Protein backbone atom coordinates (compact mmCIF):
# COMPACT_ATOMS: atom_id res chain seq x y z
CA MET A 1 49.35 24.77 -5.59
CA SER A 2 47.30 24.38 -2.45
CA LEU A 3 48.73 23.79 1.00
CA ALA A 4 47.40 20.21 0.99
CA SER A 5 49.10 19.37 -2.30
CA ASP A 6 52.36 20.98 -1.08
CA GLU A 7 52.23 18.77 2.02
CA GLU A 8 51.51 15.69 -0.08
CA ALA A 9 54.45 16.48 -2.36
CA SER A 10 56.70 16.94 0.69
CA LEU A 11 55.56 13.63 2.16
CA ASP A 12 56.15 11.88 -1.16
CA THR A 13 59.68 13.29 -1.26
CA LEU A 14 60.39 12.19 2.31
CA GLN A 15 59.04 8.71 1.63
CA GLU A 16 61.17 8.38 -1.50
CA ARG A 17 64.31 9.53 0.35
CA SER A 18 63.62 7.09 3.16
CA LEU A 19 63.21 4.19 0.73
CA LEU A 20 66.39 5.18 -1.13
CA PHE A 21 68.29 5.29 2.18
CA TRP A 22 67.20 1.77 3.18
CA ILE A 23 67.91 0.41 -0.33
CA HIS A 24 71.40 1.95 -0.22
CA ALA A 25 72.01 0.54 3.27
CA GLN A 26 70.94 -2.92 2.13
CA LYS A 27 73.23 -2.78 -0.92
CA THR A 28 76.33 -1.40 0.82
CA LYS A 29 76.04 -3.50 4.02
CA PRO A 30 77.52 -0.84 6.33
CA LEU A 31 78.84 -1.39 9.81
CA VAL A 32 76.33 -0.30 12.43
CA LYS A 33 76.47 0.51 16.09
CA ILE A 34 73.20 -0.52 17.74
CA HIS A 35 72.10 1.01 21.01
CA VAL A 36 69.61 -1.43 22.51
CA TYR A 37 67.46 -1.00 25.57
CA GLY A 38 68.78 -3.12 28.41
CA GLY A 39 69.04 -3.49 32.12
CA GLY A 40 66.28 -2.54 34.50
CA SER A 41 65.12 0.69 32.89
CA LEU A 42 64.76 2.23 29.46
CA SER A 43 67.39 4.83 30.33
CA GLN A 44 70.08 2.14 30.40
CA SER A 45 71.49 1.10 27.04
CA ASN A 46 73.85 -1.55 25.71
CA THR A 47 75.87 -0.97 22.55
CA LEU A 48 76.39 -3.71 19.97
CA LYS A 49 78.19 -3.73 16.63
CA ALA A 50 77.22 -5.57 13.46
CA VAL A 51 76.98 -5.48 9.69
CA PHE A 52 73.59 -4.24 8.52
CA ARG A 53 71.86 -6.50 6.00
CA ALA A 54 68.17 -5.55 5.85
CA THR A 55 65.03 -4.38 7.64
CA ASP A 56 61.36 -5.08 7.14
CA SER A 57 58.99 -2.43 5.79
CA GLU A 58 57.96 -1.20 9.25
CA HIS A 59 61.44 -1.47 10.82
CA ASN A 60 60.18 -4.07 13.30
CA ARG A 61 63.17 -6.33 12.62
CA PHE A 62 66.77 -5.72 11.60
CA ARG A 63 68.75 -8.48 9.87
CA LEU A 64 72.42 -8.33 10.90
CA ASP A 65 75.64 -10.25 10.32
CA ALA A 66 78.61 -10.57 12.69
CA LEU A 67 76.63 -9.22 15.65
CA GLU A 68 79.08 -8.49 18.47
CA THR A 69 77.48 -8.88 21.89
CA PRO A 70 78.86 -9.12 25.43
CA VAL A 71 78.40 -12.93 25.27
CA GLY A 72 79.97 -13.48 21.87
CA VAL A 73 79.64 -12.94 18.12
CA TYR A 74 76.60 -14.20 16.23
CA LYS A 75 77.20 -14.94 12.56
CA ASN A 76 73.59 -14.06 11.63
CA ALA A 77 70.97 -12.41 13.81
CA VAL A 78 67.63 -10.64 13.77
CA VAL A 79 67.10 -7.84 16.29
CA ARG A 80 63.61 -6.68 17.17
CA GLY A 81 62.97 -3.04 16.36
CA GLN A 82 61.31 -2.48 19.73
CA ASP A 83 64.64 -3.35 21.40
CA VAL A 84 66.58 -0.77 19.37
CA GLU A 85 67.02 2.72 20.74
CA THR A 86 69.20 3.99 17.88
CA LEU A 87 71.22 2.75 14.91
CA GLU A 88 74.43 4.47 13.84
CA PHE A 89 75.56 3.72 10.28
CA TYR A 90 79.24 3.86 9.33
CA THR A 91 79.91 4.05 5.61
CA SER A 92 83.25 4.25 3.88
CA THR A 93 83.93 7.27 1.71
CA ALA A 94 86.61 5.52 -0.35
């Protein structure tokens, strides 16, 4: 195998694992902690909690349920990907 075909195989594997992760997350609807950019600078962050429901193919939007914010709980919400610094997924092992 050539180096190019090894790299292509590795990229295919990574893409498949990524897709399987997002499919699993959509099916299991895990709790997530969302660190969003906020305040006057990008170094400041607010933390929100929600139930993950889905994302679009480019992760530009995240569909959430029971989004807990400082001003209240939103039953359904869409958060822009550009506002998200990190997502932490919490899955049950039971």
